[in-house]
Amino acid sequence: MKKELSYDIIPTETEALIFDLDGTLADTMPLHLKAWMAACKHFKLRCPENEMMQYAGLSTYKIAGEILKTYNPERTSPGSGELAAIKVQKFDQLQKYVTSIEPVVQMAKKYFNKIPMAVGTGGTRETALKTLHLLNLKKYFPVLIAAEDIDNHKPEPDTFLRCAELLKVNPEKCVVFEDGDRGVEAGKRAGMFVVDVRNFNL
């Protein structure tokens, strides 16, 4: 049974909070799915809608590669970079409809100016910054690590470790908020305390 997300979930020794963006702070997952379906339709690619959630947490570039490799192995074009670019373009057209996941946002607001906070996302920097701007959240997160900032993406711990480095906080003193299996694994591999928001009523 799911429970309410309360402030006492944060360990007393916490020195920094790191938030995933899509599906954690922002209810963007339905919009990302629509954008992927539109991008695949643009190139007449196979892309089973009911299987797309298995890629949650992967970077945009890696999802494009998986779609081509798994569902369209016979195709030599587009390349993954081209597919990813069209997906970003399609998402940009839908992004104005984004809404916040309020219980998680309230957590960030409570700790604003009390402990440092960052966003660690598998999305592109431009897309993440626009989402934060649309939700009026940019000021809360002085540190943003996006897909192009690192070489190894979730479930590798690099995204969150880089956040901790820039926040100047030891990883074991960080709390990560995540909504995907890959992100949860990345947080744990970084040695951080992980809050899986899927376990709460949001």
N, C-alpha and C. Protein backbone atom coordinates (compact mmCIF):
# COMPACT_ATOMS: atom_id res chain seq x y z
N MET A 1 0.83 -1.20 0.00
CA MET A 1 0.00 0.00 0.00
C MET A 1 0.87 1.25 0.00
N LYS A 2 0.56 2.18 -0.89
CA LYS A 2 1.35 3.40 -0.98
C LYS A 2 1.05 4.34 0.19
N LYS A 3 2.04 5.15 0.55
CA LYS A 3 1.88 6.09 1.65
C LYS A 3 2.16 7.50 1.16
N GLU A 4 1.90 8.48 2.02
CA GLU A 4 2.12 9.87 1.67
C GLU A 4 3.62 10.19 1.75
N LEU A 5 4.07 11.04 0.86
CA LEU A 5 5.46 11.49 0.88
C LEU A 5 5.60 12.58 1.94
N SER A 6 6.32 12.28 3.01
CA SER A 6 6.44 13.23 4.12
C SER A 6 7.90 13.65 4.30
N TYR A 7 8.08 14.77 4.98
CA TYR A 7 9.42 15.33 5.14
C TYR A 7 10.32 14.46 6.01
N ASP A 8 9.74 13.61 6.85
CA ASP A 8 10.57 12.77 7.72
C ASP A 8 11.25 11.62 6.97
N ILE A 9 11.02 11.55 5.65
CA ILE A 9 11.72 10.55 4.84
C ILE A 9 13.20 10.90 4.71
N ILE A 10 13.55 12.15 4.95
CA ILE A 10 14.92 12.62 4.77
C ILE A 10 15.74 12.31 6.03
N PRO A 11 16.81 11.52 5.92
CA PRO A 11 17.66 11.24 7.10
C PRO A 11 18.24 12.52 7.68
N THR A 12 18.42 12.54 8.98
CA THR A 12 18.88 13.75 9.66
C THR A 12 20.28 14.18 9.22
N GLU A 13 21.11 13.23 8.76
CA GLU A 13 22.48 13.56 8.37
C GLU A 13 22.60 14.04 6.92
N THR A 14 21.46 14.21 6.23
CA THR A 14 21.46 14.61 4.83
C THR A 14 22.06 16.01 4.64
N GLU A 15 22.92 16.12 3.63
CA GLU A 15 23.55 17.41 3.33
C GLU A 15 23.22 17.93 1.94
N ALA A 16 22.54 17.13 1.12
CA ALA A 16 22.16 17.58 -0.23
C ALA A 16 21.04 16.70 -0.76
N LEU A 17 20.20 17.29 -1.61
CA LEU A 17 19.13 16.56 -2.28
C LEU A 17 19.37 16.61 -3.78
N ILE A 18 19.19 15.46 -4.44
CA ILE A 18 19.33 15.37 -5.89
C ILE A 18 18.04 14.78 -6.46
N PHE A 19 17.47 15.46 -7.43
CA PHE A 19 16.19 15.04 -8.00
C PHE A 19 16.34 14.66 -9.46
N ASP A 20 15.78 13.52 -9.83
CA ASP A 20 15.52 13.24 -11.23
C ASP A 20 14.45 14.24 -11.66
N LEU A 21 14.31 14.45 -12.96
CA LEU A 21 13.34 15.43 -13.45
C LEU A 21 12.07 14.79 -14.00
N ASP A 22 12.22 14.04 -15.09
CA ASP A 22 11.04 13.47 -15.76
C ASP A 22 10.44 12.34 -14.94
N GLY A 23 9.19 12.52 -14.55
CA GLY A 23 8.50 11.51 -13.76
C GLY A 23 8.73 11.65 -12.27
N THR A 24 9.58 12.59 -11.87
CA THR A 24 9.87 12.80 -10.45
C THR A 24 9.43 14.20 -10.03
N LEU A 25 10.02 15.23 -10.61
CA LEU A 25 9.57 16.60 -10.37
C LEU A 25 8.49 17.02 -11.37
N ALA A 26 8.61 16.50 -12.59
CA ALA A 26 7.73 16.93 -13.68
C ALA A 26 6.99 15.74 -14.28
N ASP A 27 5.70 15.93 -14.51
CA ASP A 27 4.87 14.86 -15.07
C ASP A 27 4.99 14.89 -16.59
N THR A 28 6.18 14.56 -17.06
CA THR A 28 6.49 14.64 -18.49
C THR A 28 6.42 13.31 -19.22
N MET A 29 6.33 12.21 -18.49
CA MET A 29 6.43 10.91 -19.16
C MET A 29 5.38 10.71 -20.26
N PRO A 30 4.11 11.08 -20.06
CA PRO A 30 3.14 10.94 -21.16
C PRO A 30 3.51 11.78 -22.37
N LEU A 31 4.11 12.95 -22.14
CA LEU A 31 4.51 13.82 -23.24
C LEU A 31 5.70 13.23 -23.98
N HIS A 32 6.65 12.67 -23.24
CA HIS A 32 7.80 12.02 -23.89
C HIS A 32 7.33 10.84 -24.74
N LEU A 33 6.37 10.08 -24.25
CA LEU A 33 5.87 8.94 -25.01
C LEU A 33 5.23 9.42 -26.31
N LYS A 34 4.42 10.47 -26.25
CA LYS A 34 3.81 11.01 -27.46
C LYS A 34 4.87 11.49 -28.44
N ALA A 35 5.92 12.11 -27.91
CA ALA A 35 6.99 12.61 -28.78
C ALA A 35 7.74 11.47 -29.46
N TRP A 36 8.00 10.39 -28.72
CA TRP A 36 8.68 9.23 -29.34
C TRP A 36 7.80 8.61 -30.42
N MET A 37 6.51 8.48 -30.15
CA MET A 37 5.63 7.89 -31.15
C MET A 37 5.57 8.75 -32.40
N ALA A 38 5.54 10.08 -32.21
CA ALA A 38 5.49 10.99 -33.36
C ALA A 38 6.80 10.95 -34.15
N ALA A 39 7.93 10.87 -33.45
CA ALA A 39 9.22 10.81 -34.13
C ALA A 39 9.35 9.52 -34.94
N CYS A 40 8.90 8.42 -34.37
CA CYS A 40 8.96 7.14 -35.10
C CYS A 40 8.02 7.15 -36.30
N LYS A 41 6.85 7.77 -36.14
CA LYS A 41 5.92 7.87 -37.26
C LYS A 41 6.53 8.71 -38.38
N HIS A 42 7.28 9.74 -38.01
CA HIS A 42 7.93 10.61 -38.98
C HIS A 42 8.84 9.81 -39.90
N PHE A 43 9.53 8.82 -39.35
CA PHE A 43 10.45 8.01 -40.13
C PHE A 43 9.85 6.66 -40.54
N LYS A 44 8.56 6.45 -40.21
CA LYS A 44 7.89 5.18 -40.51
C LYS A 44 8.62 4.00 -39.85
N LEU A 45 8.96 4.19 -38.57
CA LEU A 45 9.63 3.17 -37.78
C LEU A 45 8.65 2.42 -36.91
N ARG A 46 8.95 1.16 -36.63
CA ARG A 46 8.19 0.40 -35.65
C ARG A 46 8.56 0.89 -34.25
N CYS A 47 7.53 1.04 -33.40
CA CYS A 47 7.77 1.57 -32.05
C CYS A 47 6.57 1.22 -31.18
N PRO A 48 6.55 0.00 -30.60
CA PRO A 48 5.38 -0.45 -29.82
C PRO A 48 5.15 0.43 -28.59
N GLU A 49 4.04 1.14 -28.58
CA GLU A 49 3.75 2.09 -27.50
C GLU A 49 3.74 1.41 -26.14
N ASN A 50 3.21 0.19 -26.09
CA ASN A 50 3.06 -0.50 -24.79
C ASN A 50 4.39 -1.02 -24.24
N GLU A 51 5.46 -0.90 -25.02
CA GLU A 51 6.76 -1.37 -24.54
C GLU A 51 7.74 -0.23 -24.24
N MET A 52 7.34 0.99 -24.49
CA MET A 52 8.27 2.11 -24.39
C MET A 52 8.69 2.43 -22.96
N MET A 53 7.86 2.12 -21.98
CA MET A 53 8.21 2.47 -20.60
C MET A 53 9.42 1.69 -20.08
N GLN A 54 9.78 0.62 -20.78
CA GLN A 54 10.96 -0.14 -20.35
C GLN A 54 12.23 0.68 -20.49
N TYR A 55 12.17 1.77 -21.26
CA TYR A 55 13.35 2.60 -21.48
C TYR A 55 13.41 3.81 -20.54
N ALA A 56 12.48 3.90 -19.60
CA ALA A 56 12.48 5.02 -18.66
C ALA A 56 13.82 5.09 -17.94
N GLY A 57 14.39 6.27 -17.92
CA GLY A 57 15.67 6.45 -17.24
C GLY A 57 16.86 6.47 -18.17
N LEU A 58 16.70 5.93 -19.38
CA LEU A 58 17.78 6.00 -20.36
C LEU A 58 17.84 7.40 -20.97
N SER A 59 19.01 7.77 -21.46
CA SER A 59 19.13 9.05 -22.14
C SER A 59 18.37 9.02 -23.47
N THR A 60 18.02 10.19 -23.96
CA THR A 60 17.32 10.31 -25.24
C THR A 60 18.09 9.59 -26.35
N TYR A 61 19.41 9.75 -26.37
CA TYR A 61 20.23 9.15 -27.42
C TYR A 61 20.20 7.63 -27.34
N LYS A 62 20.25 7.10 -26.12
CA LYS A 62 20.26 5.64 -25.97
C LYS A 62 18.90 5.04 -26.31
N ILE A 63 17.81 5.74 -25.97
CA ILE A 63 16.48 5.24 -26.33
C ILE A 63 16.35 5.16 -27.84
N ALA A 64 16.82 6.18 -28.53
CA ALA A 64 16.77 6.17 -29.99
C ALA A 64 17.52 4.96 -30.54
N GLY A 65 18.69 4.69 -29.99
CA GLY A 65 19.46 3.53 -30.43
C GLY A 65 18.75 2.22 -30.17
N GLU A 66 18.10 2.13 -29.01
CA GLU A 66 17.37 0.90 -28.67
C GLU A 66 16.18 0.68 -29.59
N ILE A 67 15.47 1.75 -29.94
CA ILE A 67 14.33 1.64 -30.85
C ILE A 67 14.80 1.11 -32.21
N LEU A 68 15.90 1.64 -32.69
CA LEU A 68 16.41 1.22 -34.00
C LEU A 68 16.93 -0.21 -33.95
N LYS A 69 17.66 -0.55 -32.90
CA LYS A 69 18.26 -1.88 -32.80
C LYS A 69 17.21 -2.96 -32.56
N THR A 70 16.26 -2.67 -31.68
CA THR A 70 15.30 -3.69 -31.25
C THR A 70 14.15 -3.87 -32.23
N TYR A 71 13.60 -2.77 -32.73
CA TYR A 71 12.38 -2.87 -33.52
C TYR A 71 12.58 -2.62 -35.01
N ASN A 72 13.74 -2.06 -35.38
CA ASN A 72 13.96 -1.74 -36.78
C ASN A 72 15.37 -2.12 -37.23
N PRO A 73 15.79 -3.37 -36.95
CA PRO A 73 17.18 -3.77 -37.23
C PRO A 73 17.51 -3.77 -38.72
N GLU A 74 16.48 -3.82 -39.55
CA GLU A 74 16.73 -3.87 -40.99
C GLU A 74 16.97 -2.48 -41.59
N ARG A 75 16.70 -1.44 -40.81
CA ARG A 75 16.82 -0.07 -41.32
C ARG A 75 18.24 0.45 -41.17
N THR A 76 18.73 1.10 -42.21
CA THR A 76 20.06 1.73 -42.15
C THR A 76 19.96 3.23 -41.88
N SER A 77 18.78 3.77 -42.01
CA SER A 77 18.54 5.18 -41.69
C SER A 77 17.12 5.31 -41.13
N PRO A 78 16.87 6.26 -40.25
CA PRO A 78 17.78 7.30 -39.78
C PRO A 78 18.80 6.73 -38.79
N GLY A 79 19.82 7.50 -38.48
CA GLY A 79 20.71 7.15 -37.41
C GLY A 79 20.09 7.53 -36.08
N SER A 80 20.66 7.04 -35.00
CA SER A 80 20.09 7.32 -33.68
C SER A 80 20.11 8.81 -33.35
N GLY A 81 21.15 9.51 -33.81
CA GLY A 81 21.22 10.94 -33.57
C GLY A 81 20.10 11.69 -34.26
N GLU A 82 19.79 11.28 -35.49
CA GLU A 82 18.72 11.93 -36.26
C GLU A 82 17.36 11.65 -35.63
N LEU A 83 17.13 10.41 -35.21
CA LEU A 83 15.87 10.06 -34.55
C LEU A 83 15.72 10.84 -33.24
N ALA A 84 16.80 10.91 -32.46
CA ALA A 84 16.76 11.64 -31.20
C ALA A 84 16.45 13.11 -31.43
N ALA A 85 17.03 13.69 -32.48
CA ALA A 85 16.81 15.11 -32.77
C ALA A 85 15.34 15.39 -33.10
N ILE A 86 14.72 14.51 -33.88
CA ILE A 86 13.30 14.70 -34.20
C ILE A 86 12.44 14.50 -32.96
N LYS A 87 12.81 13.54 -32.11
CA LYS A 87 12.07 13.33 -30.87
C LYS A 87 12.12 14.59 -30.00
N VAL A 88 13.30 15.20 -29.88
CA VAL A 88 13.45 16.42 -29.09
C VAL A 88 12.59 17.53 -29.69
N GLN A 89 12.56 17.61 -31.01
CA GLN A 89 11.74 18.61 -31.69
C GLN A 89 10.26 18.40 -31.40
N LYS A 90 9.81 17.14 -31.46
CA LYS A 90 8.40 16.83 -31.19
C LYS A 90 8.05 17.13 -29.73
N PHE A 91 8.97 16.78 -28.81
CA PHE A 91 8.71 17.05 -27.40
C PHE A 91 8.64 18.55 -27.14
N ASP A 92 9.47 19.31 -27.83
CA ASP A 92 9.47 20.76 -27.67
C ASP A 92 8.10 21.34 -27.99
N GLN A 93 7.39 20.74 -28.93
CA GLN A 93 6.06 21.21 -29.31
C GLN A 93 5.01 20.88 -28.26
N LEU A 94 5.28 19.83 -27.46
CA LEU A 94 4.33 19.38 -26.44
C LEU A 94 4.65 19.91 -25.04
N GLN A 95 5.85 20.43 -24.88
CA GLN A 95 6.39 20.71 -23.54
C GLN A 95 5.57 21.74 -22.77
N LYS A 96 4.86 22.60 -23.47
CA LYS A 96 4.06 23.63 -22.81
C LYS A 96 2.95 23.03 -21.95
N TYR A 97 2.64 21.77 -22.16
CA TYR A 97 1.58 21.11 -21.40
C TYR A 97 2.09 20.44 -20.12
N VAL A 98 3.37 20.58 -19.82
CA VAL A 98 3.96 19.91 -18.66
C VAL A 98 3.34 20.43 -17.35
N THR A 99 3.18 19.53 -16.39
CA THR A 99 2.72 19.89 -15.05
C THR A 99 3.70 19.33 -14.02
N SER A 100 3.65 19.90 -12.83
CA SER A 100 4.57 19.46 -11.78
C SER A 100 3.97 18.30 -11.00
N ILE A 101 4.83 17.51 -10.37
CA ILE A 101 4.41 16.46 -9.44
C ILE A 101 4.55 17.10 -8.06
N GLU A 102 3.45 17.64 -7.59
CA GLU A 102 3.47 18.61 -6.51
C GLU A 102 4.07 18.12 -5.19
N PRO A 103 3.80 16.90 -4.74
CA PRO A 103 4.41 16.48 -3.46
C PRO A 103 5.93 16.50 -3.51
N VAL A 104 6.51 16.14 -4.65
CA VAL A 104 7.97 16.15 -4.78
C VAL A 104 8.48 17.59 -4.89
N VAL A 105 7.77 18.41 -5.63
CA VAL A 105 8.14 19.81 -5.74
C VAL A 105 8.11 20.50 -4.37
N GLN A 106 7.11 20.18 -3.57
CA GLN A 106 7.02 20.77 -2.23
C GLN A 106 8.20 20.36 -1.36
N MET A 107 8.70 19.15 -1.57
CA MET A 107 9.88 18.70 -0.84
C MET A 107 11.07 19.60 -1.18
N ALA A 108 11.23 19.89 -2.46
CA ALA A 108 12.33 20.76 -2.89
C ALA A 108 12.16 22.16 -2.33
N LYS A 109 10.96 22.66 -2.36
CA LYS A 109 10.73 24.02 -1.86
C LYS A 109 10.99 24.12 -0.36
N LYS A 110 10.66 23.09 0.37
CA LYS A 110 10.89 23.11 1.82
C LYS A 110 12.38 23.25 2.15
N TYR A 111 13.22 22.59 1.35
CA TYR A 111 14.65 22.57 1.66
C TYR A 111 15.44 23.64 0.90
N PHE A 112 14.76 24.45 0.13
CA PHE A 112 15.43 25.52 -0.61
C PHE A 112 16.09 26.50 0.36
N ASN A 113 17.34 26.80 0.08
CA ASN A 113 18.16 27.70 0.91
C ASN A 113 18.52 27.09 2.27
N LYS A 114 18.21 25.81 2.47
CA LYS A 114 18.60 25.11 3.70
C LYS A 114 19.73 24.13 3.44
N ILE A 115 19.57 23.34 2.39
CA ILE A 115 20.66 22.47 1.94
C ILE A 115 20.72 22.56 0.41
N PRO A 116 21.90 22.34 -0.18
CA PRO A 116 22.02 22.46 -1.64
C PRO A 116 21.25 21.36 -2.37
N MET A 117 20.79 21.70 -3.57
CA MET A 117 19.99 20.75 -4.36
C MET A 117 20.42 20.78 -5.82
N ALA A 118 20.20 19.66 -6.49
CA ALA A 118 20.56 19.52 -7.90
C ALA A 118 19.51 18.69 -8.62
N VAL A 119 19.53 18.79 -9.93
CA VAL A 119 18.75 17.91 -10.80
C VAL A 119 19.72 17.07 -11.61
N GLY A 120 19.49 15.75 -11.64
CA GLY A 120 20.28 14.83 -12.45
C GLY A 120 19.36 14.10 -13.40
N THR A 121 19.43 14.38 -14.69
CA THR A 121 18.49 13.86 -15.66
C THR A 121 19.18 13.19 -16.83
N GLY A 122 18.49 12.25 -17.45
CA GLY A 122 18.98 11.63 -18.67
C GLY A 122 18.56 12.39 -19.91
N GLY A 123 17.75 13.45 -19.73
CA GLY A 123 17.33 14.27 -20.85
C GLY A 123 18.40 15.27 -21.25
N THR A 124 18.18 15.96 -22.35
CA THR A 124 19.14 16.96 -22.79
C THR A 124 19.06 18.20 -21.90
N ARG A 125 20.15 18.95 -21.87
CA ARG A 125 20.20 20.15 -21.04
C ARG A 125 19.14 21.17 -21.47
N GLU A 126 19.04 21.40 -22.76
CA GLU A 126 18.09 22.39 -23.25
C GLU A 126 16.66 22.03 -22.85
N THR A 127 16.30 20.76 -23.01
CA THR A 127 14.94 20.32 -22.67
C THR A 127 14.71 20.42 -21.17
N ALA A 128 15.69 20.01 -20.36
CA ALA A 128 15.54 20.07 -18.91
C ALA A 128 15.39 21.50 -18.42
N LEU A 129 16.20 22.40 -18.96
CA LEU A 129 16.12 23.81 -18.55
C LEU A 129 14.75 24.39 -18.90
N LYS A 130 14.21 24.01 -20.05
CA LYS A 130 12.90 24.52 -20.43
C LYS A 130 11.81 23.99 -19.51
N THR A 131 11.90 22.72 -19.14
CA THR A 131 10.92 22.15 -18.21
C THR A 131 10.97 22.88 -16.87
N LEU A 132 12.17 23.09 -16.35
CA LEU A 132 12.32 23.80 -15.08
C LEU A 132 11.78 25.23 -15.18
N HIS A 133 12.01 25.87 -16.31
CA HIS A 133 11.50 27.23 -16.52
C HIS A 133 9.97 27.24 -16.56
N LEU A 134 9.38 26.31 -17.30
CA LEU A 134 7.92 26.27 -17.43
C LEU A 134 7.24 26.03 -16.07
N LEU A 135 7.91 25.29 -15.20
CA LEU A 135 7.34 24.98 -13.88
C LEU A 135 7.81 25.95 -12.80
N ASN A 136 8.56 26.98 -13.20
CA ASN A 136 9.08 27.98 -12.25
C ASN A 136 9.94 27.33 -11.16
N LEU A 137 10.76 26.38 -11.56
CA LEU A 137 11.59 25.65 -10.60
C LEU A 137 13.09 25.90 -10.77
N LYS A 138 13.46 26.65 -11.78
CA LYS A 138 14.88 26.79 -12.10
C LYS A 138 15.69 27.34 -10.93
N LYS A 139 15.14 28.27 -10.18
CA LYS A 139 15.90 28.93 -9.11
C LYS A 139 16.25 27.99 -7.96
N TYR A 140 15.53 26.87 -7.85
CA TYR A 140 15.77 25.94 -6.75
C TYR A 140 16.99 25.04 -6.98
N PHE A 141 17.43 24.96 -8.22
CA PHE A 141 18.46 23.98 -8.56
C PHE A 141 19.65 24.64 -9.27
N PRO A 142 20.63 25.08 -8.51
CA PRO A 142 21.80 25.72 -9.13
C PRO A 142 22.66 24.74 -9.94
N VAL A 143 22.49 23.46 -9.69
CA VAL A 143 23.26 22.43 -10.41
C VAL A 143 22.31 21.56 -11.22
N LEU A 144 22.63 21.43 -12.50
CA LEU A 144 21.87 20.54 -13.39
C LEU A 144 22.87 19.70 -14.18
N ILE A 145 22.76 18.38 -14.05
CA ILE A 145 23.56 17.46 -14.85
C ILE A 145 22.62 16.76 -15.82
N ALA A 146 22.89 16.94 -17.13
CA ALA A 146 22.04 16.39 -18.18
C ALA A 146 22.82 15.37 -19.01
N ALA A 147 22.17 14.83 -20.01
CA ALA A 147 22.75 13.71 -20.77
C ALA A 147 24.10 14.05 -21.38
N GLU A 148 24.25 15.26 -21.89
CA GLU A 148 25.49 15.60 -22.58
C GLU A 148 26.63 15.94 -21.63
N ASP A 149 26.37 15.98 -20.34
CA ASP A 149 27.39 16.34 -19.36
C ASP A 149 28.24 15.16 -18.91
N ILE A 150 27.81 13.96 -19.21
CA ILE A 150 28.55 12.76 -18.76
C ILE A 150 28.59 11.74 -19.88
N ASP A 151 29.49 10.77 -19.75
CA ASP A 151 29.61 9.71 -20.76
C ASP A 151 28.78 8.48 -20.41
N ASN A 152 28.66 8.17 -19.12
CA ASN A 152 27.96 6.96 -18.69
C ASN A 152 26.68 7.33 -17.97
N HIS A 153 25.55 6.95 -18.55
CA HIS A 153 24.25 7.36 -18.03
C HIS A 153 23.66 6.30 -17.09
N LYS A 154 22.57 6.65 -16.44
CA LYS A 154 21.87 5.73 -15.55
C LYS A 154 21.62 4.41 -16.28
N PRO A 155 21.86 3.26 -15.66
CA PRO A 155 22.03 3.00 -14.23
C PRO A 155 23.44 3.19 -13.68
N GLU A 156 24.37 3.68 -14.50
CA GLU A 156 25.68 4.03 -13.97
C GLU A 156 25.51 5.21 -13.01
N PRO A 157 26.34 5.33 -12.00
CA PRO A 157 26.15 6.35 -10.97
C PRO A 157 26.68 7.73 -11.34
N ASP A 158 27.25 7.87 -12.53
CA ASP A 158 27.98 9.10 -12.87
C ASP A 158 27.16 10.38 -12.76
N THR A 159 25.89 10.33 -13.18
CA THR A 159 25.04 11.52 -13.11
C THR A 159 24.97 12.06 -11.70
N PHE A 160 24.67 11.18 -10.76
CA PHE A 160 24.50 11.61 -9.37
C PHE A 160 25.82 11.93 -8.69
N LEU A 161 26.88 11.20 -9.05
CA LEU A 161 28.19 11.51 -8.49
C LEU A 161 28.67 12.88 -8.94
N ARG A 162 28.39 13.23 -10.19
CA ARG A 162 28.76 14.56 -10.68
C ARG A 162 27.97 15.65 -9.98
N CYS A 163 26.69 15.38 -9.72
CA CYS A 163 25.88 16.33 -8.94
C CYS A 163 26.51 16.57 -7.57
N ALA A 164 26.85 15.49 -6.89
CA ALA A 164 27.45 15.59 -5.55
C ALA A 164 28.76 16.37 -5.61
N GLU A 165 29.55 16.10 -6.64
CA GLU A 165 30.83 16.80 -6.78
C GLU A 165 30.63 18.30 -6.91
N LEU A 166 29.68 18.71 -7.74
CA LEU A 166 29.44 20.14 -7.95
C LEU A 166 28.78 20.79 -6.74
N LEU A 167 28.01 20.01 -5.99
CA LEU A 167 27.40 20.52 -4.76
C LEU A 167 28.40 20.54 -3.60
N LYS A 168 29.56 19.90 -3.83
CA LYS A 168 30.61 19.82 -2.80
C LYS A 168 30.13 19.08 -1.55
N VAL A 169 29.44 17.95 -1.79
CA VAL A 169 28.89 17.12 -0.72
C VAL A 169 29.31 15.68 -0.97
N ASN A 170 29.70 14.97 0.08
CA ASN A 170 30.02 13.55 -0.06
C ASN A 170 28.80 12.77 -0.52
N PRO A 171 28.95 11.83 -1.46
CA PRO A 171 27.80 11.08 -1.97
C PRO A 171 26.94 10.43 -0.89
N GLU A 172 27.59 9.89 0.16
CA GLU A 172 26.81 9.20 1.21
C GLU A 172 25.95 10.15 2.03
N LYS A 173 26.13 11.45 1.83
CA LYS A 173 25.31 12.45 2.54
C LYS A 173 24.21 13.00 1.64
N CYS A 174 24.05 12.39 0.46
CA CYS A 174 23.04 12.86 -0.51
C CYS A 174 21.81 11.95 -0.50
N VAL A 175 20.67 12.55 -0.75
CA VAL A 175 19.42 11.82 -0.96
C VAL A 175 18.97 12.03 -2.40
N VAL A 176 18.68 10.95 -3.09
CA VAL A 176 18.22 10.98 -4.47
C VAL A 176 16.73 10.66 -4.54
N PHE A 177 16.00 11.46 -5.29
CA PHE A 177 14.58 11.20 -5.57
C PHE A 177 14.48 10.71 -7.00
N GLU A 178 13.89 9.52 -7.19
CA GLU A 178 13.83 8.89 -8.50
C GLU A 178 12.48 8.20 -8.72
N ASP A 179 12.18 7.93 -10.02
CA ASP A 179 10.95 7.21 -10.34
C ASP A 179 11.18 6.04 -11.27
N GLY A 180 12.43 5.74 -11.59
CA GLY A 180 12.71 4.65 -12.52
C GLY A 180 13.71 3.67 -11.98
N ASP A 181 13.63 2.44 -12.45
CA ASP A 181 14.54 1.39 -11.98
C ASP A 181 16.00 1.76 -12.22
N ARG A 182 16.30 2.31 -13.39
CA ARG A 182 17.68 2.66 -13.69
C ARG A 182 18.18 3.78 -12.78
N GLY A 183 17.32 4.75 -12.52
CA GLY A 183 17.72 5.84 -11.64
C GLY A 183 17.90 5.40 -10.20
N VAL A 184 17.02 4.53 -9.74
CA VAL A 184 17.15 3.99 -8.39
C VAL A 184 18.47 3.24 -8.26
N GLU A 185 18.78 2.41 -9.26
CA GLU A 185 20.04 1.67 -9.24
C GLU A 185 21.23 2.62 -9.26
N ALA A 186 21.15 3.66 -10.07
CA ALA A 186 22.24 4.63 -10.16
C ALA A 186 22.49 5.31 -8.82
N GLY A 187 21.41 5.68 -8.13
CA GLY A 187 21.55 6.31 -6.83
C GLY A 187 22.20 5.39 -5.81
N LYS A 188 21.77 4.15 -5.82
CA LYS A 188 22.33 3.18 -4.87
C LYS A 188 23.80 2.90 -5.18
N ARG A 189 24.13 2.80 -6.46
CA ARG A 189 25.52 2.56 -6.84
C ARG A 189 26.42 3.76 -6.53
N ALA A 190 25.79 4.93 -6.43
CA ALA A 190 26.54 6.13 -6.04
C ALA A 190 26.74 6.20 -4.52
N GLY A 191 26.12 5.27 -3.80
CA GLY A 191 26.25 5.24 -2.35
C GLY A 191 25.31 6.21 -1.65
N MET A 192 24.25 6.60 -2.33
CA MET A 192 23.32 7.59 -1.80
C MET A 192 22.05 6.94 -1.26
N PHE A 193 21.35 7.66 -0.40
CA PHE A 193 20.05 7.22 0.09
C PHE A 193 19.04 7.54 -1.01
N VAL A 194 18.25 6.55 -1.42
CA VAL A 194 17.34 6.72 -2.55
C VAL A 194 15.89 6.69 -2.10
N VAL A 195 15.13 7.68 -2.52
CA VAL A 195 13.69 7.71 -2.32
C VAL A 195 13.02 7.38 -3.66
N ASP A 196 12.39 6.22 -3.75
CA ASP A 196 11.67 5.81 -4.96
C ASP A 196 10.26 6.38 -4.85
N VAL A 197 9.97 7.44 -5.62
CA VAL A 197 8.69 8.14 -5.47
C VAL A 197 7.51 7.29 -5.93
N ARG A 198 7.77 6.19 -6.63
CA ARG A 198 6.67 5.31 -7.04
C ARG A 198 6.02 4.63 -5.85
N ASN A 199 6.68 4.66 -4.71
CA ASN A 199 6.13 4.02 -3.50
C ASN A 199 5.18 4.94 -2.73
N PHE A 200 4.96 6.15 -3.26
CA PHE A 200 4.15 7.12 -2.53
C PHE A 200 2.97 7.58 -3.35
N ASN A 201 1.97 8.09 -2.68
CA ASN A 201 0.79 8.65 -3.35
C ASN A 201 1.15 10.04 -3.85
N LEU A 202 1.31 10.15 -5.14
CA LEU A 202 1.67 11.44 -5.73
C LEU A 202 0.54 11.94 -6.63
